[in-house]
PDB file of N, CA and C in Angstrom:
ATOM      1  N   MET A   1     149.257 114.180 148.255  1.00  0.00           N
ATOM      2  CA  MET A   1     148.822 114.488 146.553  1.00  0.00           C
ATOM      3  C   MET A   1     147.399 114.148 145.918  1.00  0.00           C
ATOM      4  N   ARG A   2     147.067 114.840 145.244  1.00  0.00           N
ATOM      5  CA  ARG A   2     145.793 113.802 144.335  1.00  0.00           C
ATOM      6  C   ARG A   2     146.005 113.721 143.313  1.00  0.00           C
ATOM      7  N   ASP A   3     146.069 112.870 142.297  1.00  0.00           N
ATOM      8  CA  ASP A   3     146.329 112.224 141.082  1.00  0.00           C
ATOM      9  C   ASP A   3     145.643 113.225 140.009  1.00  0.00           C
ATOM     10  N   ILE A   4     146.142 114.732 139.795  1.00  0.00           N
ATOM     11  CA  ILE A   4     144.982 115.564 138.933  1.00  0.00           C
ATOM     12  C   ILE A   4     144.461 114.797 137.829  1.00  0.00           C
ATOM     13  N   SER A   5     145.179 113.693 137.262  1.00  0.00           N
ATOM     14  CA  SER A   5     144.750 113.489 135.879  1.00  0.00           C
ATOM     15  C   SER A   5     143.177 112.899 136.121  1.00  0.00           C
ATOM     16  N   VAL A   6     142.455 112.521 137.526  1.00  0.00           N
ATOM     17  CA  VAL A   6     141.543 111.725 138.002  1.00  0.00           C
ATOM     18  C   VAL A   6     140.444 113.134 138.334  1.00  0.00           C
ATOM     19  N   LYS A   7     139.362 112.955 137.424  1.00  0.00           N
ATOM     20  CA  LYS A   7     138.667 114.164 137.939  1.00  0.00           C
ATOM     21  C   LYS A   7     137.631 113.470 139.083  1.00  0.00           C
ATOM     22  N   ILE A   8     137.398 114.750 139.898  1.00  0.00           N
ATOM     23  CA  ILE A   8     136.511 114.393 141.281  1.00  0.00           C
ATOM     24  C   ILE A   8     135.391 114.615 141.147  1.00  0.00           C
ATOM     25  N   PHE A   9     134.733 115.350 139.796  1.00  0.00           N
ATOM     26  CA  PHE A   9     133.206 115.754 139.550  1.00  0.00           C
ATOM     27  C   PHE A   9     132.495 114.421 138.543  1.00  0.00           C
ATOM     28  N   SER A  10     131.682 113.723 138.547  1.00  0.00           N
ATOM     29  CA  SER A  10     131.227 113.048 137.173  1.00  0.00           C
ATOM     30  C   SER A  10     129.929 113.981 136.666  1.00  0.00           C
ATOM     31  N   ASN A  11     129.306 113.275 135.360  1.00  0.00           N
ATOM     32  CA  ASN A  11     128.548 113.944 134.367  1.00  0.00           C
ATOM     33  C   ASN A  11     127.482 113.832 135.729  1.00  0.00           C
ATOM     34  N   GLY A  12     126.357 114.406 135.136  1.00  0.00           N
ATOM     35  CA  GLY A  12     124.944 114.981 135.929  1.00  0.00           C
ATOM     36  C   GLY A  12     125.402 114.780 137.370  1.00  0.00           C
ATOM     37  N   GLU A  13     126.060 115.165 137.668  1.00  0.00           N
ATOM     38  CA  GLU A  13     126.535 115.621 139.350  1.00  0.00           C
ATOM     39  C   GLU A  13     125.989 116.350 139.514  1.00  0.00           C
ATOM     40  N   THR A  14     125.277 117.182 140.762  1.00  0.00           N
ATOM     41  CA  THR A  14     124.567 118.416 140.452  1.00  0.00           C
ATOM     42  C   THR A  14     125.955 119.331 141.550  1.00  0.00           C
ATOM     43  N   LEU A  15     126.538 120.359 141.249  1.00  0.00           N
ATOM     44  CA  LEU A  15     127.240 121.309 141.970  1.00  0.00           C
ATOM     45  C   LEU A  15     127.181 122.730 142.099  1.00  0.00           C
ATOM     46  N   VAL A  16     127.926 123.386 142.939  1.00  0.00           N
ATOM     47  CA  VAL A  16     127.536 124.671 143.108  1.00  0.00           C
ATOM     48  C   VAL A  16     128.968 125.634 142.142  1.00  0.00           C
ATOM     49  N   ILE A  17     128.264 126.502 141.602  1.00  0.00           N
ATOM     50  CA  ILE A  17     129.285 127.821 141.078  1.00  0.00           C
ATOM     51  C   ILE A  17     129.918 128.145 142.413  1.00  0.00           C
ATOM     52  N   ARG A  18     131.579 128.569 143.113  1.00  0.00           N
ATOM     53  CA  ARG A  18     131.339 129.222 143.731  1.00  0.00           C
ATOM     54  C   ARG A  18     131.213 130.909 143.698  1.00  0.00           C
ATOM     55  N   VAL A  19     131.953 131.915 142.787  1.00  0.00           N
ATOM     56  CA  VAL A  19     131.298 133.032 142.823  1.00  0.00           C
ATOM     57  C   VAL A  19     129.823 133.467 142.645  1.00  0.00           C
ATOM     58  N   SER A  20     129.233 132.612 142.077  1.00  0.00           N
ATOM     59  CA  SER A  20     127.584 132.870 142.534  1.00  0.00           C
ATOM     60  C   SER A  20     126.621 132.533 143.311  1.00  0.00           C
ATOM     61  N   ASN A  21     127.269 130.807 143.562  1.00  0.00           N
ATOM     62  CA  ASN A  21     126.651 130.026 144.506  1.00  0.00           C
ATOM     63  C   ASN A  21     125.202 129.836 143.567  1.00  0.00           C
ATOM     64  N   GLU A  22     125.324 129.570 142.237  1.00  0.00           N
ATOM     65  CA  GLU A  22     124.086 128.824 141.402  1.00  0.00           C
ATOM     66  C   GLU A  22     124.582 127.625 141.411  1.00  0.00           C
ATOM     67  N   LEU A  23     123.049 126.444 141.582  1.00  0.00           N
ATOM     68  CA  LEU A  23     123.385 124.878 141.611  1.00  0.00           C
ATOM     69  C   LEU A  23     123.100 124.538 139.712  1.00  0.00           C
ATOM     70  N   VAL A  24     124.300 123.934 139.761  1.00  0.00           N
ATOM     71  CA  VAL A  24     124.254 123.535 138.431  1.00  0.00           C
ATOM     72  C   VAL A  24     124.539 121.703 138.174  1.00  0.00           C
ATOM     73  N   THR A  25     124.769 121.437 137.060  1.00  0.00           N
ATOM     74  CA  THR A  25     124.677 119.854 136.439  1.00  0.00           C
ATOM     75  C   THR A  25     125.270 119.449 135.541  1.00  0.00           C
ATOM     76  N   ILE A  26     127.117 119.020 135.663  1.00  0.00           N
ATOM     77  CA  ILE A  26     127.558 118.425 134.189  1.00  0.00           C
ATOM     78  C   ILE A  26     127.309 117.985 133.396  1.00  0.00           C
ATOM     79  N   LEU A  27     127.125 118.447 132.515  1.00  0.00           N
ATOM     80  CA  LEU A  27     126.827 117.836 131.139  1.00  0.00           C
ATOM     81  C   LEU A  27     128.021 117.252 130.514  1.00  0.00           C
ATOM     82  N   LYS A  28     129.397 117.875 130.443  1.00  0.00           N
ATOM     83  CA  LYS A  28     130.650 117.065 130.172  1.00  0.00           C
ATOM     84  C   LYS A  28     131.850 117.423 130.573  1.00  0.00           C
ATOM     85  N   SER A  29     132.840 116.706 130.696  1.00  0.00           N
ATOM     86  CA  SER A  29     133.586 116.697 130.991  1.00  0.00           C
ATOM     87  C   SER A  29     134.909 116.605 130.254  1.00  0.00           C
ATOM     88  N   HIS A  30     136.118 117.680 130.086  1.00  0.00           N
ATOM     89  CA  HIS A  30     137.007 117.079 129.331  1.00  0.00           C
ATOM     90  C   HIS A  30     138.776 117.080 129.962  1.00  0.00           C
ATOM     91  N   TYR A  31     139.475 116.580 129.722  1.00  0.00           N
ATOM     92  CA  TYR A  31     140.818 116.459 130.760  1.00  0.00           C
ATOM     93  C   TYR A  31     141.120 117.769 129.322  1.00  0.00           C
ATOM     94  N   VAL A  32     142.224 118.775 129.712  1.00  0.00           N
ATOM     95  CA  VAL A  32     142.961 119.471 128.934  1.00  0.00           C
ATOM     96  C   VAL A  32     143.648 119.521 129.794  1.00  0.00           C
ATOM     97  N   LYS A  33     145.085 118.513 128.403  1.00  0.00           N
ATOM     98  CA  LYS A  33     145.756 118.155 128.394  1.00  0.00           C
ATOM     99  C   LYS A  33     147.444 119.122 128.780  1.00  0.00           C
ATOM    100  N   ASN A  34     147.633 120.220 128.165  1.00  0.00           N
ATOM    101  CA  ASN A  34     148.678 121.157 128.292  1.00  0.00           C
ATOM    102  C   ASN A  34     148.276 122.371 129.622  1.00  0.00           C
ATOM    103  N   MET A  35     147.159 121.890 130.475  1.00  0.00           N
ATOM    104  CA  MET A  35     146.929 122.384 131.549  1.00  0.00           C
ATOM    105  C   MET A  35     146.719 121.495 132.888  1.00  0.00           C
ATOM    106  N   LYS A  36     146.746 119.993 132.690  1.00  0.00           N
ATOM    107  CA  LYS A  36     147.372 119.461 132.992  1.00  0.00           C
ATOM    108  C   LYS A  36     145.950 119.458 134.230  1.00  0.00           C
ATOM    109  N   ARG A  37     144.581 119.538 133.942  1.00  0.00           N
ATOM    110  CA  ARG A  37     143.159 119.548 135.083  1.00  0.00           C
ATOM    111  C   ARG A  37     142.081 119.204 134.118  1.00  0.00           C
ATOM    112  N   TYR A  38     141.103 119.296 134.707  1.00  0.00           N
ATOM    113  CA  TYR A  38     139.628 119.112 134.114  1.00  0.00           C
ATOM    114  C   TYR A  38     138.831 120.388 133.965  1.00  0.00           C
ATOM    115  N   SER A  39     138.300 120.203 132.358  1.00  0.00           N
ATOM    116  CA  SER A  39     136.966 121.441 132.309  1.00  0.00           C
ATOM    117  C   SER A  39     135.778 121.011 132.010  1.00  0.00           C
ATOM    118  N   TYR A  40     135.170 121.491 132.461  1.00  0.00           N
ATOM    119  CA  TYR A  40     133.360 120.890 133.010  1.00  0.00           C
ATOM    120  C   TYR A  40     132.603 122.105 132.194  1.00  0.00           C
ATOM    121  N   THR A  41     131.492 121.431 131.755  1.00  0.00           N
ATOM    122  CA  THR A  41     130.652 121.925 131.418  1.00  0.00           C
ATOM    123  C   THR A  41     128.693 122.308 131.775  1.00  0.00           C
ATOM    124  N   VAL A  42     128.219 123.248 131.805  1.00  0.00           N
ATOM    125  CA  VAL A  42     127.648 122.493 133.014  1.00  0.00           C
ATOM    126  C   VAL A  42     126.220 123.036 132.278  1.00  0.00           C
ATOM    127  N   ASN A  43     124.924 122.569 132.678  1.00  0.00           N
ATOM    128  CA  ASN A  43     123.886 122.823 131.867  1.00  0.00           C
ATOM    129  C   ASN A  43     123.067 124.301 132.084  1.00  0.00           C
ATOM    130  N   LYS A  44     123.828 125.405 132.815  1.00  0.00           N
ATOM    131  CA  LYS A  44     123.307 126.771 132.709  1.00  0.00           C
ATOM    132  C   LYS A  44     123.873 127.360 131.498  1.00  0.00           C
ATOM    133  N   TYR A  45     125.068 126.981 131.970  1.00  0.00           N
ATOM    134  CA  TYR A  45     126.100 128.100 130.957  1.00  0.00           C
ATOM    135  C   TYR A  45     126.780 127.122 130.124  1.00  0.00           C
ATOM    136  N   PRO A  46     126.090 126.545 128.502  1.00  0.00           N
ATOM    137  CA  PRO A  46     126.466 125.477 127.662  1.00  0.00           C
ATOM    138  C   PRO A  46     127.442 125.818 126.888  1.00  0.00           C
ATOM    139  N   SER A  47     128.006 127.017 126.586  1.00  0.00           N
ATOM    140  CA  SER A  47     128.828 127.873 125.776  1.00  0.00           C
ATOM    141  C   SER A  47     130.428 128.007 126.413  1.00  0.00           C
ATOM    142  N   THR A  48     130.063 127.685 128.077  1.00  0.00           N
ATOM    143  CA  THR A  48     131.328 128.151 128.905  1.00  0.00           C
ATOM    144  C   THR A  48     131.390 126.901 129.655  1.00  0.00           C
ATOM    145  N   PHE A  49     132.563 126.742 130.143  1.00  0.00           N
ATOM    146  CA  PHE A  49     133.324 125.854 130.987  1.00  0.00           C
ATOM    147  C   PHE A  49     133.871 126.403 132.051  1.00  0.00           C
ATOM    148  N   PHE A  50     134.082 125.983 132.959  1.00  0.00           N
ATOM    149  CA  PHE A  50     134.421 126.024 134.335  1.00  0.00           C
ATOM    150  C   PHE A  50     135.589 125.096 135.095  1.00  0.00           C
ATOM    151  N   PHE A  51     137.008 124.895 135.388  1.00  0.00           N
ATOM    152  CA  PHE A  51     137.283 124.580 135.782  1.00  0.00           C
ATOM    153  C   PHE A  51     137.363 123.696 137.278  1.00  0.00           C
ATOM    154  N   GLU A  52     137.767 122.870 137.784  1.00  0.00           N
ATOM    155  CA  GLU A  52     137.349 122.253 139.154  1.00  0.00           C
ATOM    156  C   GLU A  52     137.218 123.060 139.959  1.00  0.00           C
ATOM    157  N   GLU A  53     138.598 124.155 140.177  1.00  0.00           N
ATOM    158  CA  GLU A  53     138.157 124.979 141.372  1.00  0.00           C
ATOM    159  C   GLU A  53     137.358 126.221 141.591  1.00  0.00           C
ATOM    160  N   GLU A  54     136.589 126.101 140.600  1.00  0.00           N
ATOM    161  CA  GLU A  54     135.642 126.825 140.272  1.00  0.00           C
ATOM    162  C   GLU A  54     134.552 126.472 140.807  1.00  0.00           C
ATOM    163  N   LEU A  55     134.082 125.227 140.944  1.00  0.00           N
ATOM    164  CA  LEU A  55     133.054 124.733 141.522  1.00  0.00           C
ATOM    165  C   LEU A  55     133.505 123.693 142.843  1.00  0.00           C
ATOM    166  N   MET A  56     131.836 123.540 143.038  1.00  0.00           N
ATOM    167  CA  MET A  56     131.938 122.948 144.789  1.00  0.00           C
ATOM    168  C   MET A  56     130.744 122.229 144.611  1.00  0.00           C
ATOM    169  N   LYS A  57     131.296 120.782 145.441  1.00  0.00           N
ATOM    170  CA  LYS A  57     129.807 119.655 146.156  1.00  0.00           C
ATOM    171  C   LYS A  57     128.595 120.654 146.633  1.00  0.00           C
ATOM    172  N   GLN A  58     127.659 120.509 146.574  1.00  0.00           N
ATOM    173  CA  GLN A  58     126.637 121.620 147.508  1.00  0.00           C
ATOM    174  C   GLN A  58     126.599 120.854 148.890  1.00  0.00           C
ATOM    175  N   GLU A  59     126.247 121.451 149.732  1.00  0.00           N
ATOM    176  CA  GLU A  59     126.230 120.882 151.177  1.00  0.00           C
ATOM    177  C   GLU A  59     124.962 120.382 151.726  1.00  0.00           C
TER     178      GLU A  59
END
């Protein structure tokens, strides 16, 4: 089991949004303590955030 307090994506990394298959770049990340996971803000949607399970590395 992986340590959830360690983020798997880095700022500046290019990823794919799973639902829309769009390429995005991470602007910043934040650990949400009460949910015990990271949220990520991306360049195309700076007013919202995504959780790790909503993003994936590009193939």
